């Protein structure tokens, strides 16, 4: 990859790194450096093997990260199975075509073999999505880790927290604003549709009954509409179509070029042309000869999205299996009360002072080198 792309991406999110260090240091860069030093390498190795045989899963894993973060936060609630008394997010109507669960389970198994009980399922989702971008010729994005897994999941939360594929631009901008994401974040993150596929039923109304008219969407290119009609019948519930009409396997600018050619697949894709700011960004990327700006912008927005509702420290848990919360731990046996501690307040004060000094030095070194 062109080194200029990496430099541009890094420079664009330096302010984000500093902000994370100051206000959300609990999502750390290299959180597993000591506890599981090969964690990110294991994820990347597995993703390399998986995408070599199933490249379509790159887009699926990006979507998995998206639907996880926007419902309850980036805490792996999308992975939990339904139970007798609860229908989980993965079984909600809007998520019935989400894929990639088996990929996360495969990676989790490898990580549990290397470092039992250390790496969260939420971090596996984030890392798998990041590596999907990198392995599709996109930017290599350094992301924070240290997320923990949530202990709840409800299908009822999904329609309240995810926009539909038929959302208007006003609805999309309003939805993103709830998470402190801007119209630019919207149009940038929509660029993830440069890889992956969508089921025919997610856009069939644009072919056969747009807005209940019985006609097709006039914003679809005629030849593209004909091609889609050949691949998707009116009641097709299984077929998949590339989201990017130009090249759905490379993380590039083809998605934006397709939008300007009236080849946006979903209604929400075409809607990006209906707002002045998002339209301007689409046109700039479609006419660009380099992906540098898009790569840098995507890295920044992707990192911000990956922090939404993250659980850290003592919140949540590290699941043993990603599809189920951990069983309750057995209550410990009562133990005799310990004798009262000696009066060593002066020693505690000195220990604290030493600890504080070490912290200052480490902070200085981190600022100098990271």
Protein backbone atom coordinates (compact mmCIF):
# COMPACT_ATOMS: atom_id res chain seq x y z
CA UNK A 1 0.00 0.00 0.00
CA UNK A 2 1.16 3.55 -0.76
CA UNK A 3 2.92 4.93 2.31
CA UNK A 4 1.24 8.29 1.67
CA UNK A 5 -2.12 6.68 2.38
CA UNK A 6 -0.93 5.39 5.75
CA UNK A 7 0.61 8.76 6.64
CA UNK A 8 -2.51 10.67 5.61
CA UNK A 9 -4.73 8.33 7.61
CA UNK A 10 -2.49 8.58 10.67
CA UNK A 11 -2.30 12.36 10.61
CA UNK A 12 -6.06 12.67 10.28
CA UNK A 13 -6.78 10.73 13.44
CA UNK A 14 -3.94 11.97 15.66
CA UNK A 15 -6.45 14.35 17.35
CA UNK A 16 -8.73 11.37 17.93
CA UNK A 17 -5.88 9.42 19.55
CA UNK A 18 -5.13 12.33 21.86
CA UNK A 19 -8.79 12.70 22.75
CA UNK A 20 -9.03 9.01 23.57
CA UNK A 21 -5.96 9.26 25.77
CA UNK A 22 -7.39 12.20 27.66
CA UNK A 23 -11.02 11.22 28.10
CA UNK A 24 -11.48 7.53 27.24
CA UNK A 25 -8.18 5.89 28.07
CA UNK A 26 -10.07 2.75 29.07
CA UNK A 27 -10.20 1.83 25.35
CA UNK A 28 -6.46 1.47 24.93
CA UNK A 29 -4.13 0.98 22.02
CA UNK A 30 -2.40 -2.33 22.58
CA UNK A 31 -4.59 -3.29 25.54
CA UNK A 32 -3.49 -6.93 25.15
CA UNK A 33 0.23 -6.28 24.74
CA UNK A 34 0.97 -7.92 28.10
CA UNK A 35 -2.02 -10.17 28.79
CA UNK A 36 -2.24 -11.65 25.26
CA UNK A 37 0.57 -10.21 23.13
CA UNK A 38 -0.33 -12.16 19.98
CA UNK A 39 -4.05 -11.37 20.09
CA UNK A 40 -4.19 -9.02 17.10
CA UNK A 41 -1.81 -11.22 15.11
CA UNK A 42 -4.05 -14.25 15.73
CA UNK A 43 -7.11 -12.33 14.54
CA UNK A 44 -5.30 -11.15 11.41
CA UNK A 45 -4.02 -14.64 10.62
CA UNK A 46 -7.50 -16.13 10.89
CA UNK A 47 -9.05 -13.31 8.86
CA UNK A 48 -6.43 -13.77 6.14
CA UNK A 49 -7.35 -17.45 5.81
CA UNK A 50 -11.09 -16.83 5.96
CA UNK A 51 -11.21 -14.05 3.36
CA UNK A 52 -8.90 -15.97 1.04
CA UNK A 53 -11.70 -18.49 0.56
CA UNK A 54 -14.76 -16.30 1.31
CA UNK A 55 -13.99 -12.68 0.31
CA UNK A 56 -17.68 -11.74 0.51
CA UNK A 57 -17.46 -12.02 4.29
CA UNK A 58 -15.40 -8.82 4.46
CA UNK A 59 -18.51 -6.69 3.98
CA UNK A 60 -20.50 -8.93 6.31
CA UNK A 61 -18.03 -8.42 9.16
CA UNK A 62 -18.04 -4.67 8.65
CA UNK A 63 -21.81 -4.73 8.95
CA UNK A 64 -21.62 -6.93 12.04
CA UNK A 65 -19.50 -4.28 13.77
CA UNK A 66 -21.93 -1.55 12.68
CA UNK A 67 -25.08 -3.25 13.95
CA UNK A 68 -23.34 -4.20 17.18
CA UNK A 69 -22.19 -0.66 17.99
CA UNK A 70 -25.45 1.11 17.20
CA UNK A 71 -27.58 -1.19 19.37
CA UNK A 72 -26.58 -1.06 23.05
CA UNK A 73 -23.02 -0.07 22.11
CA UNK A 74 -19.94 -1.98 20.96
CA UNK A 75 -20.34 -4.80 23.49
CA UNK A 76 -21.15 -7.88 21.38
CA UNK A 77 -24.87 -8.02 22.15
CA UNK A 78 -25.44 -8.95 18.49
CA UNK A 79 -23.70 -12.30 19.12
CA UNK A 80 -25.94 -13.54 21.96
CA UNK A 81 -28.40 -16.32 21.15
CA UNK A 82 -32.08 -16.06 21.94
CA UNK A 83 -33.31 -17.94 25.00
CA UNK A 84 -36.66 -19.40 26.01
CA UNK A 85 -37.70 -16.11 27.58
CA UNK A 86 -35.97 -13.62 25.27
CA UNK A 87 -35.58 -12.96 21.56
CA UNK A 88 -32.07 -11.61 20.97
CA UNK A 89 -30.89 -8.97 18.49
CA UNK A 90 -29.61 -11.49 15.96
CA UNK A 91 -33.16 -12.81 15.50
CA UNK A 92 -34.74 -9.38 14.91
CA UNK A 93 -36.26 -8.97 11.43
CA UNK A 94 -33.75 -6.26 10.49
CA UNK A 95 -30.84 -8.56 11.37
CA UNK A 96 -32.04 -11.78 9.78
CA UNK A 97 -29.48 -11.48 6.99
CA UNK A 98 -26.50 -10.52 9.18
CA UNK A 99 -23.61 -12.94 8.66
CA UNK A 100 -20.22 -13.63 10.19
CA UNK A 101 -21.12 -15.22 13.52
CA UNK A 102 -19.17 -18.36 12.71
CA UNK A 103 -16.11 -16.25 11.89
CA UNK A 104 -16.18 -14.63 15.33
CA UNK A 105 -16.62 -18.04 16.99
CA UNK A 106 -13.65 -19.44 15.07
CA UNK A 107 -11.42 -16.55 16.10
CA UNK A 108 -12.65 -16.76 19.70
CA UNK A 109 -11.68 -20.44 19.85
CA UNK A 110 -8.14 -19.63 18.69
CA UNK A 111 -7.79 -16.81 21.22
CA UNK A 112 -9.11 -18.94 24.07
CA UNK A 113 -6.47 -21.54 23.24
CA UNK A 114 -3.75 -18.89 23.41
CA UNK A 115 -5.06 -16.69 26.24
CA UNK A 116 -8.09 -18.11 28.08
CA UNK A 117 -10.56 -15.54 29.34
CA UNK A 118 -8.62 -12.50 28.14
CA UNK A 119 -9.93 -11.19 24.79
CA UNK A 120 -13.53 -10.03 24.62
CA UNK A 121 -15.97 -10.91 21.85
CA UNK A 122 -16.60 -7.17 21.38
CA UNK A 123 -12.92 -6.62 20.56
CA UNK A 124 -12.92 -9.60 18.20
CA UNK A 125 -15.77 -8.02 16.22
CA UNK A 126 -13.91 -4.71 16.02
CA UNK A 127 -10.60 -6.30 15.03
CA UNK A 128 -12.23 -8.57 12.43
CA UNK A 129 -13.94 -5.56 10.86
CA UNK A 130 -10.67 -3.62 10.85
CA UNK A 131 -8.83 -6.51 9.21
CA UNK A 132 -11.61 -6.93 6.64
CA UNK A 133 -10.84 -3.41 5.45
CA UNK A 134 -7.09 -3.98 5.38
CA UNK A 135 -7.39 -7.30 3.53
CA UNK A 136 -9.66 -5.67 0.94
CA UNK A 137 -6.89 -3.21 -0.01
CA UNK A 138 -8.14 -0.53 2.34
CA UNK A 139 -6.26 1.33 5.08
CA UNK A 140 -4.73 -0.43 8.06
CA UNK A 141 -6.49 1.33 10.94
CA UNK A 142 -5.02 1.23 14.47
CA UNK A 143 -7.97 0.82 16.83
CA UNK A 144 -8.29 0.78 20.59
CA UNK A 145 -9.10 -2.42 22.43
CA UNK A 146 -10.10 -3.26 25.97
CA UNK A 147 -13.86 -3.48 25.37
CA UNK A 148 -15.82 -5.92 27.51
CA UNK A 149 -18.90 -7.93 26.64
CA UNK A 150 -22.42 -7.00 27.64
CA UNK A 151 -24.86 -9.35 29.33
CA UNK A 152 -28.07 -8.52 27.50
CA UNK A 153 -29.61 -8.54 24.03
CA UNK A 154 -33.16 -7.79 22.90
CA UNK A 155 -34.68 -7.85 19.43
CA UNK A 156 -36.96 -5.00 20.49
CA UNK A 157 -33.94 -2.67 20.65
CA UNK A 158 -33.03 -3.14 16.99
CA UNK A 159 -35.72 -1.14 15.13
CA UNK A 160 -35.30 1.66 17.67
CA UNK A 161 -31.56 1.96 17.00
CA UNK A 162 -30.94 1.04 13.36
CA UNK A 163 -32.19 3.01 10.34
CA UNK A 164 -33.96 1.08 7.61
CA UNK A 165 -32.49 0.59 4.15
CA UNK A 166 -35.26 2.92 2.91
CA UNK A 167 -34.38 5.83 5.23
CA UNK A 168 -34.32 9.35 3.81
CA UNK A 169 -31.27 11.56 4.12
CA UNK A 170 -32.97 13.61 6.84
CA UNK A 171 -33.70 10.46 8.83
CA UNK A 172 -30.13 9.21 8.39
CA UNK A 173 -28.53 12.47 9.50
CA UNK A 174 -30.87 12.64 12.51
CA UNK A 175 -30.08 9.05 13.42
CA UNK A 176 -26.32 9.56 13.29
CA UNK A 177 -26.62 12.74 15.33
CA UNK A 178 -27.98 10.68 18.25
CA UNK A 179 -24.51 9.16 18.52
CA UNK A 180 -22.66 12.47 18.05
CA UNK A 181 -21.83 11.49 14.49
CA UNK A 182 -22.02 14.11 11.75
CA UNK A 183 -23.33 14.14 8.19
CA UNK A 184 -19.74 13.67 7.11
CA UNK A 185 -19.42 10.57 9.30
CA UNK A 186 -22.59 9.30 7.60
CA UNK A 187 -21.33 9.69 4.05
CA UNK A 188 -17.86 8.40 4.98
CA UNK A 189 -19.07 5.29 6.83
CA UNK A 190 -21.54 4.61 4.01
CA UNK A 191 -18.42 4.15 1.91
CA UNK A 192 -18.10 0.74 3.59
CA UNK A 193 -20.64 -0.34 0.97
CA UNK A 194 -17.73 -0.44 -1.44
CA UNK A 195 -17.40 -4.08 -0.34
CA UNK A 196 -20.04 -6.71 0.39
CA UNK A 197 -23.46 -7.69 -0.86
CA UNK A 198 -27.14 -7.14 -0.02
CA UNK A 199 -30.16 -9.41 -0.32
CA UNK A 200 -32.63 -8.65 -3.10
CA UNK A 201 -35.50 -8.05 -0.68
CA UNK A 202 -33.65 -5.08 0.83
CA UNK A 203 -34.13 -3.07 -2.38
CA UNK A 204 -36.78 -4.93 -4.44
CA UNK A 205 -39.31 -2.13 -3.90
CA UNK A 206 -37.03 0.12 -5.97
CA UNK A 207 -37.46 -2.31 -8.88
CA UNK A 208 -41.12 -3.19 -8.68
CA UNK A 209 -43.12 -0.92 -6.39
CA UNK A 210 -41.29 2.24 -5.43
CA UNK A 211 -43.27 4.21 -2.86
CA UNK A 212 -46.29 2.03 -3.64
CA UNK A 213 -46.46 3.33 -7.21
CA UNK A 214 -46.13 -0.03 -8.94
CA UNK A 215 -43.18 1.39 -10.85
CA UNK A 216 -39.43 1.43 -10.38
CA UNK A 217 -37.38 4.13 -8.69
CA UNK A 218 -36.59 6.83 -11.28
CA UNK A 219 -33.24 7.42 -9.57
CA UNK A 220 -31.97 4.03 -10.82
CA UNK A 221 -29.94 3.91 -14.01
CA UNK A 222 -32.01 2.10 -16.65
CA UNK A 223 -29.38 -0.49 -17.59
CA UNK A 224 -28.56 -1.08 -13.94
CA UNK A 225 -32.25 -1.57 -13.18
CA UNK A 226 -32.50 -4.15 -15.97
CA UNK A 227 -29.49 -6.02 -14.62
CA UNK A 228 -30.91 -6.04 -11.08
CA UNK A 229 -34.31 -7.24 -12.34
CA UNK A 230 -32.61 -10.19 -14.04
CA UNK A 231 -30.89 -11.16 -10.80
CA UNK A 232 -33.78 -10.43 -8.41
CA UNK A 233 -37.37 -11.48 -8.97
CA UNK A 234 -40.19 -9.68 -7.10
CA UNK A 235 -40.28 -12.27 -4.31
CA UNK A 236 -36.61 -13.26 -4.19
CA UNK A 237 -35.64 -13.73 -0.54
CA UNK A 238 -32.25 -15.42 -0.95
CA UNK A 239 -30.16 -13.95 -3.79
CA UNK A 240 -27.32 -11.53 -3.05
CA UNK A 241 -26.21 -8.57 -5.17
CA UNK A 242 -22.99 -6.51 -4.83
CA UNK A 243 -23.47 -3.21 -3.03
CA UNK A 244 -20.85 -1.60 -5.26
CA UNK A 245 -21.85 -1.91 -8.91
CA UNK A 246 -18.28 -1.26 -10.03
CA UNK A 247 -16.15 -3.51 -7.79
CA UNK A 248 -17.52 -5.09 -4.61
CA UNK A 249 -14.34 -6.84 -3.51
CA UNK A 250 -11.93 -3.87 -3.24
CA UNK A 251 -12.12 -1.13 -0.62
CA UNK A 252 -11.91 1.80 -3.03
CA UNK A 253 -13.83 4.76 -4.47
CA UNK A 254 -16.06 2.65 -6.71
CA UNK A 255 -19.04 3.07 -4.39
CA UNK A 256 -19.02 6.84 -4.78
CA UNK A 257 -18.57 6.58 -8.54
CA UNK A 258 -21.57 4.27 -8.65
CA UNK A 259 -23.72 6.79 -6.79
CA UNK A 260 -23.01 9.48 -9.40
CA UNK A 261 -23.93 6.96 -12.12
CA UNK A 262 -27.35 6.35 -10.47
CA UNK A 263 -26.18 2.90 -9.37
CA UNK A 264 -26.64 3.20 -5.62
CA UNK A 265 -28.24 -0.10 -4.62
CA UNK A 266 -30.18 0.83 -1.48
CA UNK A 267 -32.53 3.76 -1.04
CA UNK A 268 -30.26 4.95 1.76
CA UNK A 269 -27.32 4.92 -0.67
CA UNK A 270 -29.12 7.05 -3.25
CA UNK A 271 -30.24 9.38 -0.45
CA UNK A 272 -26.66 10.61 -0.01
CA UNK A 273 -27.20 12.70 -3.16
CA UNK A 274 -30.16 14.52 -1.58
CA UNK A 275 -28.17 16.65 0.89
CA UNK A 276 -25.72 19.38 -0.14
CA UNK A 277 -22.92 18.31 2.22
CA UNK A 278 -23.12 14.57 1.59
CA UNK A 279 -23.60 15.14 -2.16
CA UNK A 280 -20.48 17.30 -2.25
CA UNK A 281 -18.42 14.57 -0.57
CA UNK A 282 -19.75 11.91 -2.95
CA UNK A 283 -18.84 13.99 -6.00
CA UNK A 284 -15.37 14.79 -4.67
CA UNK A 285 -14.54 11.12 -4.07
CA UNK A 286 -16.11 9.98 -7.34
CA UNK A 287 -13.86 12.40 -9.24
CA UNK A 288 -10.75 11.77 -7.17
CA UNK A 289 -7.73 10.01 -8.60
CA UNK A 290 -6.54 8.91 -5.16
CA UNK A 291 -8.31 7.22 -2.22
CA UNK A 292 -6.12 9.02 0.33
CA UNK A 293 -8.76 11.46 1.58
CA UNK A 294 -11.43 8.76 1.84
CA UNK A 295 -9.09 6.35 3.60
CA UNK A 296 -8.08 8.97 6.16
CA UNK A 297 -11.67 10.07 6.73
CA UNK A 298 -12.89 6.50 7.03
CA UNK A 299 -10.20 5.67 9.59
CA UNK A 300 -11.30 8.60 11.76
CA UNK A 301 -15.04 7.85 11.57
CA UNK A 302 -14.48 4.12 12.03
CA UNK A 303 -12.51 4.72 15.22
CA UNK A 304 -15.19 7.03 16.61
CA UNK A 305 -17.96 4.53 15.82
CA UNK A 306 -15.98 1.79 17.55
CA UNK A 307 -16.17 3.64 20.87
CA UNK A 308 -19.98 3.94 21.03
CA UNK A 309 -21.22 2.54 24.32
CA UNK A 310 -18.06 0.51 24.94
CA UNK A 311 -17.97 -1.30 28.30
CA UNK A 312 -14.64 -1.21 30.12
CA UNK A 313 -12.96 -1.82 33.48
CA UNK A 314 -15.40 -3.66 35.78
CA UNK A 315 -18.41 -3.24 33.49
CA UNK A 316 -19.56 -6.27 31.55
CA UNK A 317 -17.55 -9.48 31.30
CA UNK A 318 -15.23 -11.48 29.07
CA UNK A 319 -17.49 -14.17 27.67
CA UNK A 320 -16.21 -17.70 27.44
CA UNK A 321 -18.49 -18.29 24.46
CA UNK A 322 -19.58 -15.35 22.36
CA UNK A 323 -23.13 -16.60 21.93
CA UNK A 324 -23.97 -16.84 25.65
CA UNK A 325 -23.34 -14.88 28.83
CA UNK A 326 -21.16 -16.56 31.41
CA UNK A 327 -22.90 -18.66 34.07
CA UNK A 328 -22.87 -17.21 37.59
CA UNK A 329 -19.68 -17.86 39.55
CA UNK A 330 -20.11 -20.06 42.65
CA UNK A 331 -20.21 -18.13 45.93
CA UNK A 332 -16.87 -18.34 47.78
CA UNK A 333 -16.74 -20.09 51.16
CA UNK A 334 -16.65 -17.70 54.11
CA UNK A 335 -13.17 -17.20 55.55
CA UNK A 336 -12.03 -16.05 58.99
CA UNK A 337 -11.73 -12.32 59.48
CA UNK A 338 -8.10 -11.17 59.10
CA UNK A 339 -6.34 -9.40 61.97
CA UNK A 340 -6.40 -5.61 61.85
CA UNK A 341 -3.61 -4.16 59.68
CA UNK A 342 -0.67 -2.39 61.30
CA UNK A 343 -0.57 1.40 61.27
CA UNK A 344 1.59 2.04 58.23
CA UNK A 345 0.11 5.24 56.84
CA UNK A 346 3.58 6.72 56.20
CA UNK A 347 4.58 3.68 54.14
CA UNK A 348 1.35 3.90 52.16
CA UNK A 349 2.02 7.57 51.49
CA UNK A 350 5.52 6.78 50.21
CA UNK A 351 4.21 3.93 48.07
CA UNK A 352 1.57 6.18 46.56
CA UNK A 353 4.17 8.85 45.88
CA UNK A 354 6.38 6.34 44.10
CA UNK A 355 3.44 4.99 42.10
CA UNK A 356 2.43 8.50 41.08
CA UNK A 357 5.98 9.31 39.96
CA UNK A 358 6.12 6.18 37.83
CA UNK A 359 2.76 7.12 36.31
CA UNK A 360 4.04 10.57 35.37
CA UNK A 361 7.14 9.11 33.72
CA UNK A 362 5.11 6.53 31.80
CA UNK A 363 2.66 9.21 30.66
CA UNK A 364 5.57 11.32 29.42
CA UNK A 365 7.06 8.39 27.52
CA UNK A 366 3.72 7.54 25.95
CA UNK A 367 3.26 11.11 24.80
CA UNK A 368 6.78 11.18 23.41
CA UNK A 369 6.59 7.94 21.47
CA UNK A 370 2.96 7.28 20.79
